[in-house]
Amino acid sequence: MSKEEMFKELSDAIISCKKDVVIAAVNKAKGQGIAPAEIIEKGLAAGMNEVGVMFERGKLFLPHVMMAAGA
């Protein structure tokens, strides 16, 4: 799996708002040798940005944003 695919998987995991999915994706990325800073910046933060956009558009509500942030 390429880095870009891994970052997409991390982002999707955050958007899912499921902590166990996020943890599994992070562990998978770490296992592939991706640096923690890249995991956060290009995967998790990108997912949170998308959650913010979805919230602004009314597609997600505050509880979803809080669950995503908690994950």
PDB file of N, CA and C in Angstrom:
ATOM      1  N   MET A   1       0.858  -1.180   0.000  1.00  0.00           N
ATOM      2  CA  MET A   1       0.000   0.000   0.000  1.00  0.00           C
ATOM      3  C   MET A   1       0.899   1.238   0.000  1.00  0.00           C
ATOM      4  N   SER A   2       0.576   2.183  -0.885  1.00  0.00           N
ATOM      5  CA  SER A   2       1.378   3.404  -0.966  1.00  0.00           C
ATOM      6  C   SER A   2       1.085   4.316   0.228  1.00  0.00           C
ATOM      7  N   LYS A   3       1.965   5.290   0.411  1.00  0.00           N
ATOM      8  CA  LYS A   3       1.754   6.254   1.495  1.00  0.00           C
ATOM      9  C   LYS A   3       0.451   7.016   1.302  1.00  0.00           C
ATOM     10  N   GLU A   4       0.169   7.405   0.072  1.00  0.00           N
ATOM     11  CA  GLU A   4      -1.052   8.164  -0.194  1.00  0.00           C
ATOM     12  C   GLU A   4      -2.291   7.354   0.165  1.00  0.00           C
ATOM     13  N   GLU A   5      -2.274   6.065  -0.150  1.00  0.00           N
ATOM     14  CA  GLU A   5      -3.396   5.187   0.208  1.00  0.00           C
ATOM     15  C   GLU A   5      -3.510   5.050   1.720  1.00  0.00           C
ATOM     16  N   MET A   6      -2.362   4.995   2.383  1.00  0.00           N
ATOM     17  CA  MET A   6      -2.364   4.886   3.843  1.00  0.00           C
ATOM     18  C   MET A   6      -2.915   6.156   4.473  1.00  0.00           C
ATOM     19  N   PHE A   7      -2.539   7.318   3.936  1.00  0.00           N
ATOM     20  CA  PHE A   7      -3.060   8.588   4.454  1.00  0.00           C
ATOM     21  C   PHE A   7      -4.571   8.679   4.240  1.00  0.00           C
ATOM     22  N   LYS A   8      -5.050   8.178   3.104  1.00  0.00           N
ATOM     23  CA  LYS A   8      -6.495   8.159   2.826  1.00  0.00           C
ATOM     24  C   LYS A   8      -7.206   7.250   3.831  1.00  0.00           C
ATOM     25  N   GLU A   9      -6.601   6.109   4.134  1.00  0.00           N
ATOM     26  CA  GLU A   9      -7.189   5.190   5.114  1.00  0.00           C
ATOM     27  C   GLU A   9      -7.252   5.839   6.502  1.00  0.00           C
ATOM     28  N   LEU A  10      -6.196   6.562   6.877  1.00  0.00           N
ATOM     29  CA  LEU A  10      -6.184   7.267   8.163  1.00  0.00           C
ATOM     30  C   LEU A  10      -7.258   8.350   8.198  1.00  0.00           C
ATOM     31  N   SER A  11      -7.355   9.100   7.117  1.00  0.00           N
ATOM     32  CA  SER A  11      -8.355  10.159   7.034  1.00  0.00           C
ATOM     33  C   SER A  11      -9.769   9.582   7.122  1.00  0.00           C
ATOM     34  N   ASP A  12     -10.011   8.520   6.387  1.00  0.00           N
ATOM     35  CA  ASP A  12     -11.326   7.862   6.417  1.00  0.00           C
ATOM     36  C   ASP A  12     -11.644   7.314   7.801  1.00  0.00           C
ATOM     37  N   ALA A  13     -10.618   6.841   8.498  1.00  0.00           N
ATOM     38  CA  ALA A  13     -10.819   6.315   9.850  1.00  0.00           C
ATOM     39  C   ALA A  13     -11.302   7.424  10.785  1.00  0.00           C
ATOM     40  N   ILE A  14     -10.704   8.599  10.673  1.00  0.00           N
ATOM     41  CA  ILE A  14     -11.144   9.735  11.494  1.00  0.00           C
ATOM     42  C   ILE A  14     -12.574  10.120  11.143  1.00  0.00           C
ATOM     43  N   ILE A  15     -12.879  10.164   9.860  1.00  0.00           N
ATOM     44  CA  ILE A  15     -14.224  10.540   9.418  1.00  0.00           C
ATOM     45  C   ILE A  15     -15.265   9.536   9.922  1.00  0.00           C
ATOM     46  N   SER A  16     -14.864   8.284  10.095  1.00  0.00           N
ATOM     47  CA  SER A  16     -15.793   7.259  10.589  1.00  0.00           C
ATOM     48  C   SER A  16     -16.190   7.484  12.049  1.00  0.00           C
ATOM     49  N   CYS A  17     -15.403   8.282  12.769  1.00  0.00           N
ATOM     50  CA  CYS A  17     -15.655   8.598  14.185  1.00  0.00           C
ATOM     51  C   CYS A  17     -15.547   7.381  15.091  1.00  0.00           C
ATOM     52  N   LYS A  18     -14.838   6.350  14.667  1.00  0.00           N
ATOM     53  CA  LYS A  18     -14.707   5.125  15.448  1.00  0.00           C
ATOM     54  C   LYS A  18     -13.268   4.966  15.928  1.00  0.00           C
ATOM     55  N   LYS A  19     -13.088   5.026  17.232  1.00  0.00           N
ATOM     56  CA  LYS A  19     -11.759   5.008  17.838  1.00  0.00           C
ATOM     57  C   LYS A  19     -10.983   3.747  17.475  1.00  0.00           C
ATOM     58  N   ASP A  20     -11.635   2.582  17.500  1.00  0.00           N
ATOM     59  CA  ASP A  20     -10.927   1.342  17.203  1.00  0.00           C
ATOM     60  C   ASP A  20     -10.430   1.294  15.766  1.00  0.00           C
ATOM     61  N   VAL A  21     -11.178   1.881  14.835  1.00  0.00           N
ATOM     62  CA  VAL A  21     -10.761   1.944  13.434  1.00  0.00           C
ATOM     63  C   VAL A  21      -9.549   2.861  13.291  1.00  0.00           C
ATOM     64  N   VAL A  22      -9.557   3.983  14.016  1.00  0.00           N
ATOM     65  CA  VAL A  22      -8.433   4.926  13.982  1.00  0.00           C
ATOM     66  C   VAL A  22      -7.173   4.268  14.537  1.00  0.00           C
ATOM     67  N   ILE A  23      -7.302   3.601  15.664  1.00  0.00           N
ATOM     68  CA  ILE A  23      -6.143   2.940  16.283  1.00  0.00           C
ATOM     69  C   ILE A  23      -5.565   1.885  15.351  1.00  0.00           C
ATOM     70  N   ALA A  24      -6.426   1.096  14.714  1.00  0.00           N
ATOM     71  CA  ALA A  24      -5.953   0.068  13.780  1.00  0.00           C
ATOM     72  C   ALA A  24      -5.224   0.696  12.597  1.00  0.00           C
ATOM     73  N   ALA A  25      -5.759   1.788  12.069  1.00  0.00           N
ATOM     74  CA  ALA A  25      -5.122   2.463  10.929  1.00  0.00           C
ATOM     75  C   ALA A  25      -3.773   3.058  11.315  1.00  0.00           C
ATOM     76  N   VAL A  26      -3.699   3.649  12.506  1.00  0.00           N
ATOM     77  CA  VAL A  26      -2.430   4.218  12.980  1.00  0.00           C
ATOM     78  C   VAL A  26      -1.394   3.116  13.164  1.00  0.00           C
ATOM     79  N   ASN A  27      -1.790   2.015  13.773  1.00  0.00           N
ATOM     80  CA  ASN A  27      -0.848   0.901  13.968  1.00  0.00           C
ATOM     81  C   ASN A  27      -0.372   0.338  12.636  1.00  0.00           C
ATOM     82  N   LYS A  28      -1.278   0.266  11.661  1.00  0.00           N
ATOM     83  CA  LYS A  28      -0.906  -0.215  10.334  1.00  0.00           C
ATOM     84  C   LYS A  28       0.107   0.727   9.685  1.00  0.00           C
ATOM     85  N   ALA A  29      -0.120   2.033   9.810  1.00  0.00           N
ATOM     86  CA  ALA A  29       0.799   3.023   9.239  1.00  0.00           C
ATOM     87  C   ALA A  29       2.162   2.951   9.913  1.00  0.00           C
ATOM     88  N   LYS A  30       2.153   2.805  11.238  1.00  0.00           N
ATOM     89  CA  LYS A  30       3.424   2.682  11.961  1.00  0.00           C
ATOM     90  C   LYS A  30       4.168   1.426  11.517  1.00  0.00           C
ATOM     91  N   GLY A  31       3.428   0.350  11.289  1.00  0.00           N
ATOM     92  CA  GLY A  31       4.028  -0.900  10.833  1.00  0.00           C
ATOM     93  C   GLY A  31       4.652  -0.785   9.454  1.00  0.00           C
ATOM     94  N   GLN A  32       4.174   0.145   8.656  1.00  0.00           N
ATOM     95  CA  GLN A  32       4.738   0.369   7.323  1.00  0.00           C
ATOM     96  C   GLN A  32       5.894   1.363   7.353  1.00  0.00           C
ATOM     97  N   GLY A  33       6.246   1.819   8.554  1.00  0.00           N
ATOM     98  CA  GLY A  33       7.394   2.704   8.698  1.00  0.00           C
ATOM     99  C   GLY A  33       7.110   4.169   8.425  1.00  0.00           C
ATOM    100  N   ILE A  34       5.862   4.568   8.451  1.00  0.00           N
ATOM    101  CA  ILE A  34       5.527   5.977   8.237  1.00  0.00           C
ATOM    102  C   ILE A  34       5.793   6.733   9.530  1.00  0.00           C
ATOM    103  N   ALA A  35       6.440   7.866   9.412  1.00  0.00           N
ATOM    104  CA  ALA A  35       6.812   8.680  10.572  1.00  0.00           C
ATOM    105  C   ALA A  35       5.569   9.190  11.292  1.00  0.00           C
ATOM    106  N   PRO A  36       5.618   9.246  12.628  1.00  0.00           N
ATOM    107  CA  PRO A  36       4.467   9.740  13.393  1.00  0.00           C
ATOM    108  C   PRO A  36       3.990  11.126  12.959  1.00  0.00           C
ATOM    109  N   ALA A  37       4.918  12.021  12.642  1.00  0.00           N
ATOM    110  CA  ALA A  37       4.527  13.369  12.215  1.00  0.00           C
ATOM    111  C   ALA A  37       3.714  13.315  10.922  1.00  0.00           C
ATOM    112  N   GLU A  38       4.097  12.436  10.005  1.00  0.00           N
ATOM    113  CA  GLU A  38       3.344  12.291   8.757  1.00  0.00           C
ATOM    114  C   GLU A  38       1.970  11.681   9.006  1.00  0.00           C
ATOM    115  N   ILE A  39       1.905  10.724   9.914  1.00  0.00           N
ATOM    116  CA  ILE A  39       0.622  10.105  10.256  1.00  0.00           C
ATOM    117  C   ILE A  39      -0.343  11.173  10.751  1.00  0.00           C
ATOM    118  N   ILE A  40       0.161  12.054  11.605  1.00  0.00           N
ATOM    119  CA  ILE A  40      -0.693  13.105  12.176  1.00  0.00           C
ATOM    120  C   ILE A  40      -1.040  14.144  11.121  1.00  0.00           C
ATOM    121  N   GLU A  41      -0.037  14.684  10.440  1.00  0.00           N
ATOM    122  CA  GLU A  41      -0.252  15.793   9.514  1.00  0.00           C
ATOM    123  C   GLU A  41      -1.017  15.398   8.256  1.00  0.00           C
ATOM    124  N   LYS A  42      -0.628  14.301   7.630  1.00  0.00           N
ATOM    125  CA  LYS A  42      -1.188  13.954   6.322  1.00  0.00           C
ATOM    126  C   LYS A  42      -2.353  12.974   6.401  1.00  0.00           C
ATOM    127  N   GLY A  43      -2.540  12.367   7.555  1.00  0.00           N
ATOM    128  CA  GLY A  43      -3.632  11.412   7.704  1.00  0.00           C
ATOM    129  C   GLY A  43      -4.708  11.897   8.649  1.00  0.00           C
ATOM    130  N   LEU A  44      -4.351  11.999   9.925  1.00  0.00           N
ATOM    131  CA  LEU A  44      -5.339  12.335  10.945  1.00  0.00           C
ATOM    132  C   LEU A  44      -5.835  13.773  10.834  1.00  0.00           C
ATOM    133  N   ALA A  45      -4.925  14.712  10.643  1.00  0.00           N
ATOM    134  CA  ALA A  45      -5.332  16.125  10.533  1.00  0.00           C
ATOM    135  C   ALA A  45      -6.169  16.343   9.276  1.00  0.00           C
ATOM    136  N   ALA A  46      -5.812  15.654   8.202  1.00  0.00           N
ATOM    137  CA  ALA A  46      -6.600  15.776   6.969  1.00  0.00           C
ATOM    138  C   ALA A  46      -8.025  15.276   7.202  1.00  0.00           C
ATOM    139  N   GLY A  47      -8.157  14.203   7.959  1.00  0.00           N
ATOM    140  CA  GLY A  47      -9.480  13.686   8.292  1.00  0.00           C
ATOM    141  C   GLY A  47     -10.272  14.666   9.131  1.00  0.00           C
ATOM    142  N   MET A  48      -9.616  15.279  10.104  1.00  0.00           N
ATOM    143  CA  MET A  48     -10.311  16.261  10.947  1.00  0.00           C
ATOM    144  C   MET A  48     -10.721  17.486  10.132  1.00  0.00           C
ATOM    145  N   ASN A  49      -9.891  17.879   9.171  1.00  0.00           N
ATOM    146  CA  ASN A  49     -10.263  18.996   8.293  1.00  0.00           C
ATOM    147  C   ASN A  49     -11.531  18.659   7.518  1.00  0.00           C
ATOM    148  N   GLU A  50     -11.612  17.439   7.023  1.00  0.00           N
ATOM    149  CA  GLU A  50     -12.803  17.012   6.279  1.00  0.00           C
ATOM    150  C   GLU A  50     -14.025  16.965   7.200  1.00  0.00           C
ATOM    151  N   VAL A  51     -13.832  16.520   8.435  1.00  0.00           N
ATOM    152  CA  VAL A  51     -14.932  16.517   9.414  1.00  0.00           C
ATOM    153  C   VAL A  51     -15.425  17.948   9.623  1.00  0.00           C
ATOM    154  N   GLY A  52     -14.507  18.892   9.717  1.00  0.00           N
ATOM    155  CA  GLY A  52     -14.882  20.303   9.881  1.00  0.00           C
ATOM    156  C   GLY A  52     -15.682  20.823   8.707  1.00  0.00           C
ATOM    157  N   VAL A  53     -15.270  20.467   7.509  1.00  0.00           N
ATOM    158  CA  VAL A  53     -15.992  20.889   6.302  1.00  0.00           C
ATOM    159  C   VAL A  53     -17.395  20.284   6.298  1.00  0.00           C
ATOM    160  N   MET A  54     -17.487  19.007   6.644  1.00  0.00           N
ATOM    161  CA  MET A  54     -18.793  18.340   6.670  1.00  0.00           C
ATOM    162  C   MET A  54     -19.701  18.964   7.734  1.00  0.00           C
ATOM    163  N   PHE A  55     -19.116  19.367   8.855  1.00  0.00           N
ATOM    164  CA  PHE A  55     -19.882  20.029   9.915  1.00  0.00           C
ATOM    165  C   PHE A  55     -20.422  21.371   9.421  1.00  0.00           C
ATOM    166  N   GLU A  56     -19.560  22.148   8.757  1.00  0.00           N
ATOM    167  CA  GLU A  56     -19.974  23.451   8.228  1.00  0.00           C
ATOM    168  C   GLU A  56     -21.113  23.322   7.217  1.00  0.00           C
ATOM    169  N   ARG A  57     -21.103  22.237   6.460  1.00  0.00           N
ATOM    170  CA  ARG A  57     -22.128  22.020   5.436  1.00  0.00           C
ATOM    171  C   ARG A  57     -23.392  21.384   5.999  1.00  0.00           C
ATOM    172  N   GLY A  58     -23.388  21.078   7.294  1.00  0.00           N
ATOM    173  CA  GLY A  58     -24.564  20.489   7.916  1.00  0.00           C
ATOM    174  C   GLY A  58     -24.707  18.999   7.701  1.00  0.00           C
ATOM    175  N   LYS A  59     -23.633  18.338   7.235  1.00  0.00           N
ATOM    176  CA  LYS A  59     -23.679  16.899   7.002  1.00  0.00           C
ATOM    177  C   LYS A  59     -23.311  16.106   8.252  1.00  0.00           C
ATOM    178  N   LEU A  60     -22.624  16.736   9.167  1.00  0.00           N
ATOM    179  CA  LEU A  60     -22.295  16.139  10.469  1.00  0.00           C
ATOM    180  C   LEU A  60     -22.729  17.113  11.549  1.00  0.00           C
ATOM    181  N   PHE A  61     -22.994  16.574  12.698  1.00  0.00           N
ATOM    182  CA  PHE A  61     -23.402  17.407  13.825  1.00  0.00           C
ATOM    183  C   PHE A  61     -22.331  17.361  14.901  1.00  0.00           C
ATOM    184  N   LEU A  62     -22.451  18.240  15.874  1.00  0.00           N
ATOM    185  CA  LEU A  62     -21.438  18.400  16.909  1.00  0.00           C
ATOM    186  C   LEU A  62     -21.041  17.073  17.573  1.00  0.00           C
ATOM    187  N   PRO A  63     -21.976  16.194  17.912  1.00  0.00           N
ATOM    188  CA  PRO A  63     -21.549  14.922  18.526  1.00  0.00           C
ATOM    189  C   PRO A  63     -20.593  14.120  17.637  1.00  0.00           C
ATOM    190  N   HIS A  64     -20.804  14.179  16.313  1.00  0.00           N
ATOM    191  CA  HIS A  64     -19.901  13.476  15.398  1.00  0.00           C
ATOM    192  C   HIS A  64     -18.507  14.115  15.424  1.00  0.00           C
ATOM    193  N   VAL A  65     -18.474  15.425  15.441  1.00  0.00           N
ATOM    194  CA  VAL A  65     -17.189  16.130  15.489  1.00  0.00           C
ATOM    195  C   VAL A  65     -16.447  15.760  16.772  1.00  0.00           C
ATOM    196  N   MET A  66     -17.159  15.719  17.874  1.00  0.00           N
ATOM    197  CA  MET A  66     -16.543  15.375  19.162  1.00  0.00           C
ATOM    198  C   MET A  66     -16.042  13.927  19.157  1.00  0.00           C
ATOM    199  N   MET A  67     -16.810  13.009  18.558  1.00  0.00           N
ATOM    200  CA  MET A  67     -16.371  11.612  18.477  1.00  0.00           C
ATOM    201  C   MET A  67     -15.138  11.481  17.598  1.00  0.00           C
ATOM    202  N   ALA A  68     -15.102  12.215  16.494  1.00  0.00           N
ATOM    203  CA  ALA A  68     -13.938  12.171  15.602  1.00  0.00           C
ATOM    204  C   ALA A  68     -12.709  12.717  16.312  1.00  0.00           C
ATOM    205  N   ALA A  69     -12.885  13.813  17.029  1.00  0.00           N
ATOM    206  CA  ALA A  69     -11.760  14.404  17.767  1.00  0.00           C
ATOM    207  C   ALA A  69     -11.279  13.463  18.864  1.00  0.00           C
ATOM    208  N   GLY A  70     -12.198  12.794  19.517  1.00  0.00           N
ATOM    209  CA  GLY A  70     -11.824  11.828  20.558  1.00  0.00           C
ATOM    210  C   GLY A  70     -11.055  10.642  19.997  1.00  0.00           C
ATOM    211  N   ALA A  71     -11.437  10.253  18.789  1.00  0.00           N
ATOM    212  CA  ALA A  71     -10.754   9.119  18.152  1.00  0.00           C
ATOM    213  C   ALA A  71      -9.333   9.507  17.821  1.00  0.00           C
TER     214      ALA A  71
END
